[in-house]
Amino acid sequence: MRAMILAAGRGERMRPLTDHTPKPLLEVGGKPLIVWHIERLASAGITELVVNHAYLGQQIEQALGNGSQWGVRIQYSPEQAALETAGGIANALPLLGEQAFLVINGDVFTDIDYVALDLPAGKLAHLVMVDNPPQHPDGDFALCDGLVRQAGQYTLTFSGVGVYHPDLFRSVRRGEAAKLAPLLRAAMQQSLVTGQHHAGMWHDIGTPARLQQLDEWLRNQSSSGGNDEATV
């Protein structure tokens, strides 16, 4: 399976940290956010990676190169202006191939087991869901008997990690901006979106305060030699 890391966002909520540094290159625990993803993907045996970028994108290419230092191969999908999630994925489809592929938001930090992720036959998307964080108490979707629905009693938050079939994006013209949620909702109406609940570590690094909190925790873990990945 190939994987795409979404790295084209401007990171407005992270300013001034992102005024001169793209958000995926902000560091936690001594390394850039995006490097944590690359290392976890490599450990899972996923070595064909695509990274999209827009704002300060050349810094990302210069920092990561071709990925050989992590044992992976990175191809880039540059965008003149950020194309939103679905637009960015649709733009990168020629690099992702005809089979299902994994997509990871570049601004999350998680211990999701990538090895265990798959797309059931005949489905268009498989989403990893997490408990609603304090900053997003109403959640996104409901998970009912393995299918993701638009609403329900037990609403969860989409983690930003999913497996998709290229057909989900066929209606999106390459080079045009498009959001992911409308495509997912349309597929949900046809019962074509499955999901699973992840109860482990997951952080949405959306503000400087959350970045600092995670950085301090990771550095404390490193200095103490701890391996416990409980949530911060």
C-alpha atoms as a PDB file:
ATOM      1  CA  MET A   1       0.000   0.000   0.000  1.00  0.00           C
ATOM      2  CA  ARG A   2       1.163   3.508  -0.794  1.00  0.00           C
ATOM      3  CA  ALA A   3       0.670   6.402   1.598  1.00  0.00           C
ATOM      4  CA  MET A   4       0.151  10.137   1.242  1.00  0.00           C
ATOM      5  CA  ILE A   5       1.005  12.683   3.918  1.00  0.00           C
ATOM      6  CA  LEU A   6      -0.993  15.904   3.631  1.00  0.00           C
ATOM      7  CA  ALA A   7       1.403  18.811   4.115  1.00  0.00           C
ATOM      8  CA  ALA A   8      -0.013  21.696   2.070  1.00  0.00           C
ATOM      9  CA  GLY A   9      -1.843  23.661   4.756  1.00  0.00           C
ATOM     10  CA  ARG A  10      -0.868  27.207   5.678  1.00  0.00           C
ATOM     11  CA  GLY A  11      -1.107  26.617   9.424  1.00  0.00           C
ATOM     12  CA  GLU A  12      -2.817  29.913  10.229  1.00  0.00           C
ATOM     13  CA  ARG A  13      -3.646  28.896  13.810  1.00  0.00           C
ATOM     14  CA  MET A  14       0.024  28.089  14.412  1.00  0.00           C
ATOM     15  CA  ARG A  15       1.286  31.575  13.582  1.00  0.00           C
ATOM     16  CA  PRO A  16       3.795  33.060  14.220  1.00  0.00           C
ATOM     17  CA  LEU A  17       5.537  29.651  14.248  1.00  0.00           C
ATOM     18  CA  THR A  18       4.473  29.024  10.659  1.00  0.00           C
ATOM     19  CA  ASP A  19       5.377  32.448   9.292  1.00  0.00           C
ATOM     20  CA  HIS A  20       8.729  31.097   8.136  1.00  0.00           C
ATOM     21  CA  THR A  21       8.385  27.323   8.663  1.00  0.00           C
ATOM     22  CA  PRO A  22       5.768  25.027   7.104  1.00  0.00           C
ATOM     23  CA  LYS A  23       3.653  23.351   9.763  1.00  0.00           C
ATOM     24  CA  PRO A  24       4.842  19.765   9.029  1.00  0.00           C
ATOM     25  CA  LEU A  25       8.414  20.834   9.790  1.00  0.00           C
ATOM     26  CA  LEU A  26       7.606  22.167  13.265  1.00  0.00           C
ATOM     27  CA  GLU A  27       9.407  20.007  15.791  1.00  0.00           C
ATOM     28  CA  VAL A  28       8.122  17.925  18.680  1.00  0.00           C
ATOM     29  CA  GLY A  29      10.382  15.675  20.695  1.00  0.00           C
ATOM     30  CA  GLY A  30      13.419  16.771  18.703  1.00  0.00           C
ATOM     31  CA  LYS A  31      12.192  16.016  15.187  1.00  0.00           C
ATOM     32  CA  PRO A  32       9.686  17.471  12.701  1.00  0.00           C
ATOM     33  CA  LEU A  33       6.085  16.307  12.883  1.00  0.00           C
ATOM     34  CA  ILE A  34       6.256  14.842   9.402  1.00  0.00           C
ATOM     35  CA  VAL A  35       9.331  12.768  10.270  1.00  0.00           C
ATOM     36  CA  TRP A  36       7.395  10.980  13.006  1.00  0.00           C
ATOM     37  CA  HIS A  37       4.918   9.922  10.314  1.00  0.00           C
ATOM     38  CA  ILE A  38       7.635   8.801   7.921  1.00  0.00           C
ATOM     39  CA  GLU A  39       9.336   6.703  10.596  1.00  0.00           C
ATOM     40  CA  ARG A  40       6.077   5.024  11.622  1.00  0.00           C
ATOM     41  CA  LEU A  41       5.198   4.295   7.998  1.00  0.00           C
ATOM     42  CA  ALA A  42       8.638   2.827   7.361  1.00  0.00           C
ATOM     43  CA  SER A  43       8.283   0.639  10.463  1.00  0.00           C
ATOM     44  CA  ALA A  44       4.960  -0.598   9.076  1.00  0.00           C
ATOM     45  CA  GLY A  45       6.620  -1.570   5.803  1.00  0.00           C
ATOM     46  CA  ILE A  46       4.982   1.259   3.846  1.00  0.00           C
ATOM     47  CA  THR A  47       7.820   2.719   1.822  1.00  0.00           C
ATOM     48  CA  GLU A  48       6.190   4.384  -1.213  1.00  0.00           C
ATOM     49  CA  LEU A  49       5.150   7.837  -0.006  1.00  0.00           C
ATOM     50  CA  VAL A  50       3.625  10.928  -1.580  1.00  0.00           C
ATOM     51  CA  VAL A  51       3.798  14.335   0.117  1.00  0.00           C
ATOM     52  CA  ASN A  52       1.828  17.296  -1.179  1.00  0.00           C
ATOM     53  CA  HIS A  53       2.874  20.830  -0.371  1.00  0.00           C
ATOM     54  CA  ALA A  54       2.067  24.443  -1.184  1.00  0.00           C
ATOM     55  CA  TYR A  55       3.114  27.078   1.370  1.00  0.00           C
ATOM     56  CA  LEU A  56       6.913  27.044   1.765  1.00  0.00           C
ATOM     57  CA  GLY A  57       6.896  23.681   0.044  1.00  0.00           C
ATOM     58  CA  GLN A  58      10.500  23.809  -1.070  1.00  0.00           C
ATOM     59  CA  GLN A  59      11.548  23.720   2.577  1.00  0.00           C
ATOM     60  CA  ILE A  60       9.756  20.375   2.897  1.00  0.00           C
ATOM     61  CA  GLU A  61      11.512  18.943  -0.150  1.00  0.00           C
ATOM     62  CA  GLN A  62      14.879  20.190   1.077  1.00  0.00           C
ATOM     63  CA  ALA A  63      14.336  18.704   4.535  1.00  0.00           C
ATOM     64  CA  LEU A  64      13.094  15.289   3.406  1.00  0.00           C
ATOM     65  CA  GLY A  65      14.814  14.765   0.069  1.00  0.00           C
ATOM     66  CA  ASN A  66      13.933  11.475  -1.578  1.00  0.00           C
ATOM     67  CA  GLY A  67      13.340   9.777   1.779  1.00  0.00           C
ATOM     68  CA  SER A  68      16.281   7.392   1.502  1.00  0.00           C
ATOM     69  CA  GLN A  69      17.581   8.209   4.983  1.00  0.00           C
ATOM     70  CA  TRP A  70      14.420   6.561   6.380  1.00  0.00           C
ATOM     71  CA  GLY A  71      14.368   3.711   3.894  1.00  0.00           C
ATOM     72  CA  VAL A  72      11.407   5.083   1.929  1.00  0.00           C
ATOM     73  CA  ARG A  73      10.852   6.722  -1.457  1.00  0.00           C
ATOM     74  CA  ILE A  74       9.143  10.108  -1.375  1.00  0.00           C
ATOM     75  CA  GLN A  75       7.469  11.687  -4.386  1.00  0.00           C
ATOM     76  CA  TYR A  76       6.088  15.215  -4.187  1.00  0.00           C
ATOM     77  CA  SER A  77       2.818  16.678  -5.393  1.00  0.00           C
ATOM     78  CA  PRO A  78       3.281  20.465  -5.417  1.00  0.00           C
ATOM     79  CA  GLU A  79       0.290  22.812  -5.418  1.00  0.00           C
ATOM     80  CA  GLN A  80       0.515  26.462  -6.413  1.00  0.00           C
ATOM     81  CA  ALA A  81      -2.214  27.171  -3.853  1.00  0.00           C
ATOM     82  CA  ALA A  82      -3.502  24.653  -1.327  1.00  0.00           C
ATOM     83  CA  LEU A  83      -6.261  22.548  -2.920  1.00  0.00           C
ATOM     84  CA  GLU A  84      -7.981  21.406   0.299  1.00  0.00           C
ATOM     85  CA  THR A  85      -7.890  17.732   1.295  1.00  0.00           C
ATOM     86  CA  ALA A  86      -9.849  16.111  -1.554  1.00  0.00           C
ATOM     87  CA  GLY A  87      -8.351  18.440  -4.135  1.00  0.00           C
ATOM     88  CA  GLY A  88      -4.845  17.651  -2.963  1.00  0.00           C
ATOM     89  CA  ILE A  89      -5.472  13.909  -3.044  1.00  0.00           C
ATOM     90  CA  ALA A  90      -7.103  14.079  -6.489  1.00  0.00           C
ATOM     91  CA  ASN A  91      -4.128  16.062  -7.774  1.00  0.00           C
ATOM     92  CA  ALA A  92      -1.775  13.333  -6.523  1.00  0.00           C
ATOM     93  CA  LEU A  93      -3.726  10.332  -7.892  1.00  0.00           C
ATOM     94  CA  PRO A  94      -1.237   9.688 -10.731  1.00  0.00           C
ATOM     95  CA  LEU A  95       1.418   9.098  -8.057  1.00  0.00           C
ATOM     96  CA  LEU A  96      -0.829   6.968  -5.846  1.00  0.00           C
ATOM     97  CA  GLY A  97      -1.827   4.322  -8.372  1.00  0.00           C
ATOM     98  CA  GLU A  98      -5.050   2.398  -8.913  1.00  0.00           C
ATOM     99  CA  GLN A  99      -5.178   0.539  -5.609  1.00  0.00           C
ATOM    100  CA  ALA A 100      -6.379   1.708  -2.196  1.00  0.00           C
ATOM    101  CA  PHE A 101      -3.946   4.032  -0.428  1.00  0.00           C
ATOM    102  CA  LEU A 102      -3.414   5.429   3.060  1.00  0.00           C
ATOM    103  CA  VAL A 103      -3.704   9.164   3.762  1.00  0.00           C
ATOM    104  CA  ILE A 104      -2.454  10.879   6.927  1.00  0.00           C
ATOM    105  CA  ASN A 105      -2.952  14.485   7.979  1.00  0.00           C
ATOM    106  CA  GLY A 106       0.481  15.973   8.505  1.00  0.00           C
ATOM    107  CA  ASP A 107      -0.585  17.875  11.623  1.00  0.00           C
ATOM    108  CA  VAL A 108      -1.637  14.951  13.824  1.00  0.00           C
ATOM    109  CA  PHE A 109       0.500  12.839  16.144  1.00  0.00           C
ATOM    110  CA  THR A 110      -0.651   9.283  16.729  1.00  0.00           C
ATOM    111  CA  ASP A 111       0.313   5.669  17.408  1.00  0.00           C
ATOM    112  CA  ILE A 112      -2.315   4.221  15.057  1.00  0.00           C
ATOM    113  CA  ASP A 113      -1.201   0.817  13.782  1.00  0.00           C
ATOM    114  CA  TYR A 114      -0.817   1.363  10.046  1.00  0.00           C
ATOM    115  CA  VAL A 115      -0.151  -2.335   9.453  1.00  0.00           C
ATOM    116  CA  ALA A 116      -3.678  -3.199  10.543  1.00  0.00           C
ATOM    117  CA  LEU A 117      -5.428  -0.710   8.244  1.00  0.00           C
ATOM    118  CA  ASP A 118      -7.167  -1.930   5.115  1.00  0.00           C
ATOM    119  CA  LEU A 119     -10.066  -1.059   2.830  1.00  0.00           C
ATOM    120  CA  PRO A 120     -12.801  -3.723   2.685  1.00  0.00           C
ATOM    121  CA  ALA A 121     -13.658  -4.952  -0.793  1.00  0.00           C
ATOM    122  CA  GLY A 122     -16.253  -2.807  -2.547  1.00  0.00           C
ATOM    123  CA  LYS A 123     -15.901   0.168  -0.195  1.00  0.00           C
ATOM    124  CA  LEU A 124     -14.590   3.631  -1.011  1.00  0.00           C
ATOM    125  CA  ALA A 125     -13.141   4.714   2.343  1.00  0.00           C
ATOM    126  CA  HIS A 126     -12.114   3.369   5.725  1.00  0.00           C
ATOM    127  CA  LEU A 127     -11.720   5.991   8.460  1.00  0.00           C
ATOM    128  CA  VAL A 128      -9.951   5.802  11.810  1.00  0.00           C
ATOM    129  CA  MET A 129     -12.103   7.494  14.446  1.00  0.00           C
ATOM    130  CA  VAL A 130     -11.069   8.753  17.895  1.00  0.00           C
ATOM    131  CA  ASP A 131     -12.829  10.045  20.990  1.00  0.00           C
ATOM    132  CA  ASN A 132     -13.842  13.680  20.715  1.00  0.00           C
ATOM    133  CA  PRO A 133     -11.067  15.966  22.005  1.00  0.00           C
ATOM    134  CA  PRO A 134     -11.866  19.042  24.131  1.00  0.00           C
ATOM    135  CA  GLN A 135     -11.452  21.357  21.142  1.00  0.00           C
ATOM    136  CA  HIS A 136     -13.956  19.349  19.061  1.00  0.00           C
ATOM    137  CA  PRO A 137     -16.603  18.082  21.509  1.00  0.00           C
ATOM    138  CA  ASP A 138     -19.370  17.440  18.968  1.00  0.00           C
ATOM    139  CA  GLY A 139     -17.330  15.111  16.800  1.00  0.00           C
ATOM    140  CA  ASP A 140     -17.734  14.406  13.088  1.00  0.00           C
ATOM    141  CA  PHE A 141     -19.405  11.084  12.346  1.00  0.00           C
ATOM    142  CA  ALA A 142     -20.955   8.074  14.028  1.00  0.00           C
ATOM    143  CA  LEU A 143     -19.595   4.529  13.876  1.00  0.00           C
ATOM    144  CA  CYS A 144     -22.365   1.931  13.695  1.00  0.00           C
ATOM    145  CA  ASP A 145     -21.617  -1.772  13.166  1.00  0.00           C
ATOM    146  CA  GLY A 146     -18.446  -0.972  11.287  1.00  0.00           C
ATOM    147  CA  LEU A 147     -20.026   1.636   9.007  1.00  0.00           C
ATOM    148  CA  VAL A 148     -19.446   5.371   9.334  1.00  0.00           C
ATOM    149  CA  ARG A 149     -22.625   7.447   9.364  1.00  0.00           C
ATOM    150  CA  GLN A 150     -23.299  11.167   9.260  1.00  0.00           C
ATOM    151  CA  ALA A 151     -24.931  11.337  12.684  1.00  0.00           C
ATOM    152  CA  GLY A 152     -25.760   9.136  15.612  1.00  0.00           C
ATOM    153  CA  GLN A 153     -25.828   8.772  19.341  1.00  0.00           C
ATOM    154  CA  TYR A 154     -22.139   7.867  19.664  1.00  0.00           C
ATOM    155  CA  THR A 155     -20.387  10.511  17.619  1.00  0.00           C
ATOM    156  CA  LEU A 156     -16.619  10.329  17.173  1.00  0.00           C
ATOM    157  CA  THR A 157     -13.953  12.546  15.617  1.00  0.00           C
ATOM    158  CA  PHE A 158     -12.225  11.662  12.364  1.00  0.00           C
ATOM    159  CA  SER A 159      -8.546  11.218  13.163  1.00  0.00           C
ATOM    160  CA  GLY A 160      -7.255  12.445   9.821  1.00  0.00           C
ATOM    161  CA  VAL A 161      -6.067   8.919   9.010  1.00  0.00           C
ATOM    162  CA  GLY A 162      -7.953   6.962   6.363  1.00  0.00           C
ATOM    163  CA  VAL A 163      -7.653   4.446   3.547  1.00  0.00           C
ATOM    164  CA  TYR A 164      -9.278   5.452   0.272  1.00  0.00           C
ATOM    165  CA  HIS A 165     -10.056   3.982  -3.116  1.00  0.00           C
ATOM    166  CA  PRO A 166      -9.168   6.270  -6.035  1.00  0.00           C
ATOM    167  CA  ASP A 167     -12.784   6.123  -7.213  1.00  0.00           C
ATOM    168  CA  LEU A 168     -13.814   8.296  -4.259  1.00  0.00           C
ATOM    169  CA  PHE A 169     -12.090  11.227  -5.972  1.00  0.00           C
ATOM    170  CA  ARG A 170     -13.117  10.648  -9.591  1.00  0.00           C
ATOM    171  CA  SER A 171     -15.548  13.589  -9.534  1.00  0.00           C
ATOM    172  CA  VAL A 172     -12.799  16.034  -8.525  1.00  0.00           C
ATOM    173  CA  ARG A 173     -10.979  17.720 -11.387  1.00  0.00           C
ATOM    174  CA  ARG A 174      -7.222  17.767 -11.001  1.00  0.00           C
ATOM    175  CA  GLY A 175      -5.937  21.160  -9.951  1.00  0.00           C
ATOM    176  CA  GLU A 176      -9.241  22.304  -8.428  1.00  0.00           C
ATOM    177  CA  ALA A 177      -9.797  22.785  -4.705  1.00  0.00           C
ATOM    178  CA  ALA A 178     -12.251  20.363  -3.079  1.00  0.00           C
ATOM    179  CA  LYS A 179     -13.132  19.357   0.457  1.00  0.00           C
ATOM    180  CA  LEU A 180     -13.158  15.743   1.619  1.00  0.00           C
ATOM    181  CA  ALA A 181     -16.264  15.801   3.832  1.00  0.00           C
ATOM    182  CA  PRO A 182     -18.857  16.126   1.008  1.00  0.00           C
ATOM    183  CA  LEU A 183     -17.329  13.145  -0.813  1.00  0.00           C
ATOM    184  CA  LEU A 184     -17.398  11.080   2.354  1.00  0.00           C
ATOM    185  CA  ARG A 185     -20.994  12.015   3.148  1.00  0.00           C
ATOM    186  CA  ALA A 186     -22.126  11.022  -0.332  1.00  0.00           C
ATOM    187  CA  ALA A 187     -20.356   7.677   0.020  1.00  0.00           C
ATOM    188  CA  MET A 188     -21.832   7.170   3.505  1.00  0.00           C
ATOM    189  CA  GLN A 189     -25.333   7.440   2.067  1.00  0.00           C
ATOM    190  CA  GLN A 190     -24.496   4.377  -0.016  1.00  0.00           C
ATOM    191  CA  SER A 191     -22.907   2.510   2.936  1.00  0.00           C
ATOM    192  CA  LEU A 192     -19.520   2.675   1.230  1.00  0.00           C
ATOM    193  CA  VAL A 193     -17.519   4.044   4.197  1.00  0.00           C
ATOM    194  CA  THR A 194     -16.282   1.765   6.967  1.00  0.00           C
ATOM    195  CA  GLY A 195     -14.412   2.734  10.093  1.00  0.00           C
ATOM    196  CA  GLN A 196     -12.744   1.715  13.316  1.00  0.00           C
ATOM    197  CA  HIS A 197     -12.259   3.298  16.725  1.00  0.00           C
ATOM    198  CA  HIS A 198      -8.719   4.039  17.867  1.00  0.00           C
ATOM    199  CA  ALA A 199      -8.413   4.353  21.647  1.00  0.00           C
ATOM    200  CA  GLY A 200      -4.670   5.015  21.771  1.00  0.00           C
ATOM    201  CA  MET A 201      -2.572   8.125  21.317  1.00  0.00           C
ATOM    202  CA  TRP A 202      -3.866  10.850  19.042  1.00  0.00           C
ATOM    203  CA  HIS A 203      -3.213  14.584  19.067  1.00  0.00           C
ATOM    204  CA  ASP A 204      -4.386  17.307  16.718  1.00  0.00           C
ATOM    205  CA  ILE A 205      -1.509  19.775  16.688  1.00  0.00           C
ATOM    206  CA  GLY A 206      -3.639  22.807  15.932  1.00  0.00           C
ATOM    207  CA  THR A 207      -2.213  25.491  18.209  1.00  0.00           C
ATOM    208  CA  PRO A 208       1.216  26.496  19.544  1.00  0.00           C
ATOM    209  CA  ALA A 209       0.070  25.530  23.048  1.00  0.00           C
ATOM    210  CA  ARG A 210      -0.787  21.966  21.994  1.00  0.00           C
ATOM    211  CA  LEU A 211       2.499  21.697  20.119  1.00  0.00           C
ATOM    212  CA  GLN A 212       4.425  22.800  23.210  1.00  0.00           C
ATOM    213  CA  GLN A 213       2.522  20.416  25.469  1.00  0.00           C
ATOM    214  CA  LEU A 214       3.289  17.432  23.250  1.00  0.00           C
ATOM    215  CA  ASP A 215       6.908  18.489  22.838  1.00  0.00           C
ATOM    216  CA  GLU A 216       7.422  18.696  26.599  1.00  0.00           C
ATOM    217  CA  TRP A 217       5.824  15.293  27.143  1.00  0.00           C
ATOM    218  CA  LEU A 218       7.925  13.606  24.457  1.00  0.00           C
ATOM    219  CA  ARG A 219      11.129  15.124  25.815  1.00  0.00           C
ATOM    220  CA  ASN A 220      10.224  13.990  29.326  1.00  0.00           C
ATOM    221  CA  GLN A 221       9.596  10.489  28.024  1.00  0.00           C
ATOM    222  CA  SER A 222      12.960  10.494  26.275  1.00  0.00           C
ATOM    223  CA  SER A 223      14.868  11.726  29.301  1.00  0.00           C
ATOM    224  CA  SER A 224      13.202   9.225  31.613  1.00  0.00           C
ATOM    225  CA  GLY A 225      13.563   6.326  29.212  1.00  0.00           C
ATOM    226  CA  GLY A 226       9.818   5.722  29.335  1.00  0.00           C
ATOM    227  CA  ASN A 227       7.938   3.880  26.605  1.00  0.00           C
ATOM    228  CA  ASP A 228       4.437   4.588  27.838  1.00  0.00           C
ATOM    229  CA  GLU A 229       2.477   6.292  25.065  1.00  0.00           C
ATOM    230  CA  ALA A 230      -0.523   7.277  27.126  1.00  0.00           C
ATOM    231  CA  THR A 231      -2.331  10.385  26.023  1.00  0.00           C
ATOM    232  CA  VAL A 232      -1.093  13.735  27.242  1.00  0.00           C
END
